[in-house]
N, C-alpha and C. Protein backbone atom coordinates (compact mmCIF):
# COMPACT_ATOMS: atom_id res chain seq x y z
N MET A 1 19.07 -80.10 -44.94
CA MET A 1 17.93 -79.92 -44.07
C MET A 1 17.25 -81.27 -43.84
N ARG A 2 16.94 -81.56 -42.61
CA ARG A 2 16.14 -82.75 -42.28
C ARG A 2 14.67 -82.35 -42.45
N ILE A 3 13.91 -83.19 -43.14
CA ILE A 3 12.50 -82.91 -43.43
C ILE A 3 11.65 -83.98 -42.77
N TYR A 4 10.64 -83.54 -42.02
CA TYR A 4 9.75 -84.47 -41.32
C TYR A 4 8.46 -84.62 -42.11
N ILE A 5 7.97 -85.85 -42.20
CA ILE A 5 6.73 -86.13 -42.92
C ILE A 5 5.63 -86.43 -41.90
N PHE A 6 4.48 -85.80 -42.11
CA PHE A 6 3.31 -86.00 -41.27
C PHE A 6 2.12 -86.39 -42.13
N ARG A 7 1.15 -87.08 -41.52
CA ARG A 7 -0.09 -87.47 -42.19
C ARG A 7 -1.26 -86.89 -41.41
N SER A 8 -2.20 -86.29 -42.14
CA SER A 8 -3.41 -85.76 -41.52
C SER A 8 -4.41 -86.88 -41.33
N GLU A 9 -5.01 -86.92 -40.16
CA GLU A 9 -6.04 -87.92 -39.89
C GLU A 9 -7.36 -87.55 -40.56
N VAL A 10 -7.52 -86.28 -40.89
CA VAL A 10 -8.78 -85.78 -41.41
C VAL A 10 -9.07 -86.20 -42.85
N ASN A 11 -8.11 -86.00 -43.76
CA ASN A 11 -8.44 -86.21 -45.16
C ASN A 11 -7.35 -86.86 -45.99
N GLY A 12 -6.40 -87.51 -45.36
CA GLY A 12 -5.37 -88.19 -46.11
C GLY A 12 -4.28 -87.31 -46.68
N LEU A 13 -4.27 -86.04 -46.31
CA LEU A 13 -3.18 -85.16 -46.73
C LEU A 13 -1.90 -85.55 -46.01
N TYR A 14 -0.78 -85.22 -46.64
CA TYR A 14 0.52 -85.38 -46.01
C TYR A 14 1.17 -84.01 -45.99
N ALA A 15 2.17 -83.85 -45.14
CA ALA A 15 2.88 -82.58 -45.06
C ALA A 15 4.35 -82.82 -44.78
N PHE A 16 5.16 -81.95 -45.34
CA PHE A 16 6.57 -81.89 -45.00
C PHE A 16 6.72 -80.72 -44.04
N ALA A 17 7.56 -80.88 -43.02
CA ALA A 17 7.79 -79.80 -42.06
C ALA A 17 9.26 -79.78 -41.66
N ALA A 18 9.68 -78.64 -41.11
CA ALA A 18 11.07 -78.47 -40.73
C ALA A 18 11.36 -78.96 -39.32
N ASP A 19 10.33 -79.14 -38.49
CA ASP A 19 10.58 -79.58 -37.13
C ASP A 19 9.78 -80.84 -36.80
N GLU A 20 10.31 -81.63 -35.90
CA GLU A 20 9.70 -82.93 -35.60
C GLU A 20 8.36 -82.83 -34.89
N SER A 21 8.02 -81.66 -34.37
CA SER A 21 6.72 -81.50 -33.71
C SER A 21 5.64 -81.07 -34.70
N GLY A 22 6.04 -80.59 -35.87
CA GLY A 22 5.06 -80.12 -36.86
C GLY A 22 4.33 -78.87 -36.39
N SER A 23 5.01 -78.03 -35.64
CA SER A 23 4.38 -76.86 -35.02
C SER A 23 3.76 -75.88 -36.02
N ALA A 24 4.23 -75.85 -37.26
CA ALA A 24 3.70 -74.90 -38.25
C ALA A 24 2.59 -75.49 -39.11
N LEU A 25 2.25 -76.76 -38.92
CA LEU A 25 1.24 -77.39 -39.77
C LEU A 25 -0.13 -76.77 -39.56
N PRO A 26 -0.95 -76.66 -40.62
CA PRO A 26 -2.26 -76.02 -40.51
C PRO A 26 -3.21 -76.78 -39.58
N GLU A 27 -3.80 -76.04 -38.66
CA GLU A 27 -4.74 -76.62 -37.68
C GLU A 27 -5.99 -77.21 -38.34
N GLY A 28 -6.38 -76.65 -39.49
CA GLY A 28 -7.59 -77.12 -40.17
C GLY A 28 -7.54 -78.58 -40.59
N PHE A 29 -6.34 -79.16 -40.65
CA PHE A 29 -6.20 -80.56 -41.06
C PHE A 29 -5.70 -81.43 -39.91
N ALA A 30 -5.67 -80.89 -38.70
CA ALA A 30 -5.22 -81.65 -37.52
C ALA A 30 -6.27 -82.68 -37.14
N PRO A 31 -5.90 -83.73 -36.48
CA PRO A 31 -4.59 -84.01 -35.93
C PRO A 31 -3.61 -84.54 -36.98
N TRP A 32 -2.34 -84.19 -36.77
CA TRP A 32 -1.24 -84.64 -37.63
C TRP A 32 -0.47 -85.74 -36.92
N HIS A 33 -0.07 -86.76 -37.66
CA HIS A 33 0.69 -87.87 -37.10
C HIS A 33 2.04 -87.98 -37.81
N PRO A 34 3.12 -88.08 -37.04
CA PRO A 34 4.44 -88.23 -37.66
C PRO A 34 4.52 -89.56 -38.42
N GLU A 35 5.09 -89.50 -39.60
CA GLU A 35 5.23 -90.69 -40.45
C GLU A 35 6.68 -91.12 -40.60
N SER A 36 7.55 -90.18 -40.98
CA SER A 36 8.95 -90.52 -41.20
C SER A 36 9.79 -89.25 -41.32
N VAL A 37 11.08 -89.46 -41.54
CA VAL A 37 12.03 -88.36 -41.67
C VAL A 37 12.84 -88.58 -42.94
N ILE A 38 13.08 -87.50 -43.67
CA ILE A 38 13.96 -87.54 -44.83
C ILE A 38 15.26 -86.87 -44.41
N GLU A 39 16.31 -87.64 -44.38
CA GLU A 39 17.61 -87.11 -44.00
C GLU A 39 18.18 -86.26 -45.14
N PRO A 40 19.16 -85.39 -44.83
CA PRO A 40 19.70 -84.50 -45.87
C PRO A 40 20.25 -85.22 -47.11
N ASP A 41 20.70 -86.45 -46.96
CA ASP A 41 21.25 -87.18 -48.10
C ASP A 41 20.23 -88.09 -48.78
N GLN A 42 18.96 -88.01 -48.38
CA GLN A 42 17.91 -88.85 -48.95
C GLN A 42 17.00 -88.05 -49.87
N SER A 43 16.36 -88.75 -50.81
CA SER A 43 15.39 -88.13 -51.71
C SER A 43 13.99 -88.24 -51.13
N PRO A 44 13.14 -87.25 -51.39
CA PRO A 44 11.75 -87.32 -50.95
C PRO A 44 11.00 -88.43 -51.70
N PRO A 45 9.87 -88.87 -51.16
CA PRO A 45 9.08 -89.90 -51.84
C PRO A 45 8.44 -89.39 -53.12
N HIS A 46 8.06 -90.31 -53.97
CA HIS A 46 7.27 -90.04 -55.18
C HIS A 46 7.95 -89.06 -56.14
N ASN A 47 9.25 -89.04 -56.16
CA ASN A 47 10.02 -88.15 -57.04
C ASN A 47 9.67 -86.68 -56.87
N LEU A 48 9.24 -86.29 -55.67
CA LEU A 48 8.96 -84.88 -55.39
C LEU A 48 10.28 -84.12 -55.31
N SER A 49 10.25 -82.87 -55.69
CA SER A 49 11.45 -82.05 -55.74
C SER A 49 11.88 -81.61 -54.34
N ARG A 50 13.06 -82.03 -53.94
CA ARG A 50 13.58 -81.63 -52.63
C ARG A 50 13.76 -80.11 -52.57
N MET A 51 14.21 -79.50 -53.66
CA MET A 51 14.42 -78.06 -53.69
C MET A 51 13.10 -77.31 -53.44
N ARG A 52 12.04 -77.74 -54.07
CA ARG A 52 10.73 -77.09 -53.88
C ARG A 52 10.20 -77.30 -52.46
N ILE A 53 10.40 -78.51 -51.94
CA ILE A 53 9.95 -78.79 -50.57
C ILE A 53 10.70 -77.89 -49.60
N GLU A 54 12.02 -77.84 -49.71
CA GLU A 54 12.81 -77.01 -48.80
C GLU A 54 12.44 -75.54 -48.91
N SER A 55 12.18 -75.06 -50.13
CA SER A 55 11.78 -73.65 -50.32
C SER A 55 10.46 -73.37 -49.60
N ALA A 56 9.48 -74.23 -49.79
CA ALA A 56 8.17 -74.04 -49.15
C ALA A 56 8.29 -74.10 -47.63
N VAL A 57 9.07 -75.05 -47.15
CA VAL A 57 9.23 -75.21 -45.70
C VAL A 57 9.92 -73.97 -45.11
N LYS A 58 10.88 -73.40 -45.82
CA LYS A 58 11.55 -72.19 -45.32
C LYS A 58 10.61 -70.99 -45.30
N VAL A 59 9.72 -70.89 -46.29
CA VAL A 59 8.81 -69.74 -46.38
C VAL A 59 7.61 -69.90 -45.45
N ARG A 60 6.93 -71.08 -45.50
CA ARG A 60 5.69 -71.27 -44.75
C ARG A 60 5.84 -72.14 -43.50
N GLY A 61 6.90 -72.92 -43.47
CA GLY A 61 7.07 -73.86 -42.36
C GLY A 61 6.56 -75.25 -42.68
N TYR A 62 5.94 -75.41 -43.85
CA TYR A 62 5.42 -76.72 -44.27
C TYR A 62 5.11 -76.70 -45.76
N GLN A 63 4.90 -77.90 -46.30
CA GLN A 63 4.35 -78.06 -47.65
C GLN A 63 3.41 -79.24 -47.61
N LEU A 64 2.21 -79.07 -48.14
CA LEU A 64 1.22 -80.15 -48.18
C LEU A 64 1.35 -80.94 -49.47
N TRP A 65 0.98 -82.22 -49.42
CA TRP A 65 0.94 -83.04 -50.62
C TRP A 65 -0.03 -84.20 -50.38
N ARG A 66 -0.46 -84.80 -51.47
CA ARG A 66 -1.42 -85.90 -51.41
C ARG A 66 -1.01 -86.96 -52.42
N THR A 67 -1.17 -88.20 -52.04
CA THR A 67 -0.93 -89.28 -53.00
C THR A 67 -2.16 -89.43 -53.87
N LYS A 68 -1.96 -89.96 -55.05
CA LYS A 68 -3.09 -90.16 -55.95
C LYS A 68 -4.01 -91.22 -55.37
N ARG A 69 -5.29 -91.00 -55.56
CA ARG A 69 -6.28 -91.99 -55.12
C ARG A 69 -6.32 -93.13 -56.14
N PRO A 70 -6.62 -94.35 -55.69
CA PRO A 70 -6.69 -95.47 -56.64
C PRO A 70 -7.78 -95.23 -57.70
N VAL A 71 -7.50 -95.64 -58.91
CA VAL A 71 -8.46 -95.51 -60.00
C VAL A 71 -9.48 -96.63 -59.87
N LYS A 72 -10.77 -96.26 -59.95
CA LYS A 72 -11.84 -97.27 -59.86
C LYS A 72 -11.95 -98.00 -61.19
N THR A 73 -12.09 -99.32 -61.11
CA THR A 73 -12.27 -100.12 -62.32
C THR A 73 -13.48 -101.02 -62.13
N ALA A 74 -14.06 -101.44 -63.23
CA ALA A 74 -15.23 -102.32 -63.19
C ALA A 74 -14.88 -103.66 -62.57
N SER A 75 -13.64 -104.14 -62.78
CA SER A 75 -13.28 -105.46 -62.29
C SER A 75 -13.08 -105.54 -60.78
N ASP A 76 -12.73 -104.41 -60.14
CA ASP A 76 -12.50 -104.49 -58.70
C ASP A 76 -13.67 -103.94 -57.89
N GLY A 77 -14.72 -103.49 -58.56
CA GLY A 77 -15.93 -103.06 -57.87
C GLY A 77 -15.81 -101.73 -57.14
N ARG A 78 -14.74 -100.99 -57.36
CA ARG A 78 -14.60 -99.69 -56.70
C ARG A 78 -15.09 -98.59 -57.58
């Protein structure tokens, strides 16, 4: 299965979808922007489980995910 990756402009969420238009992505987090494609012979980013992604995409049409936010430290002022 080819998996398409999208990014939400609203809150930094990402989504995997089965179609390049992202037609099944939740409207509450729109607009969605295409980021990249995971080909059938490629692994998903961040060691995410391809089997779980494909299962969710088959059932719901998408799977949401988020990258970890940077940890604030005293030295960097964040």
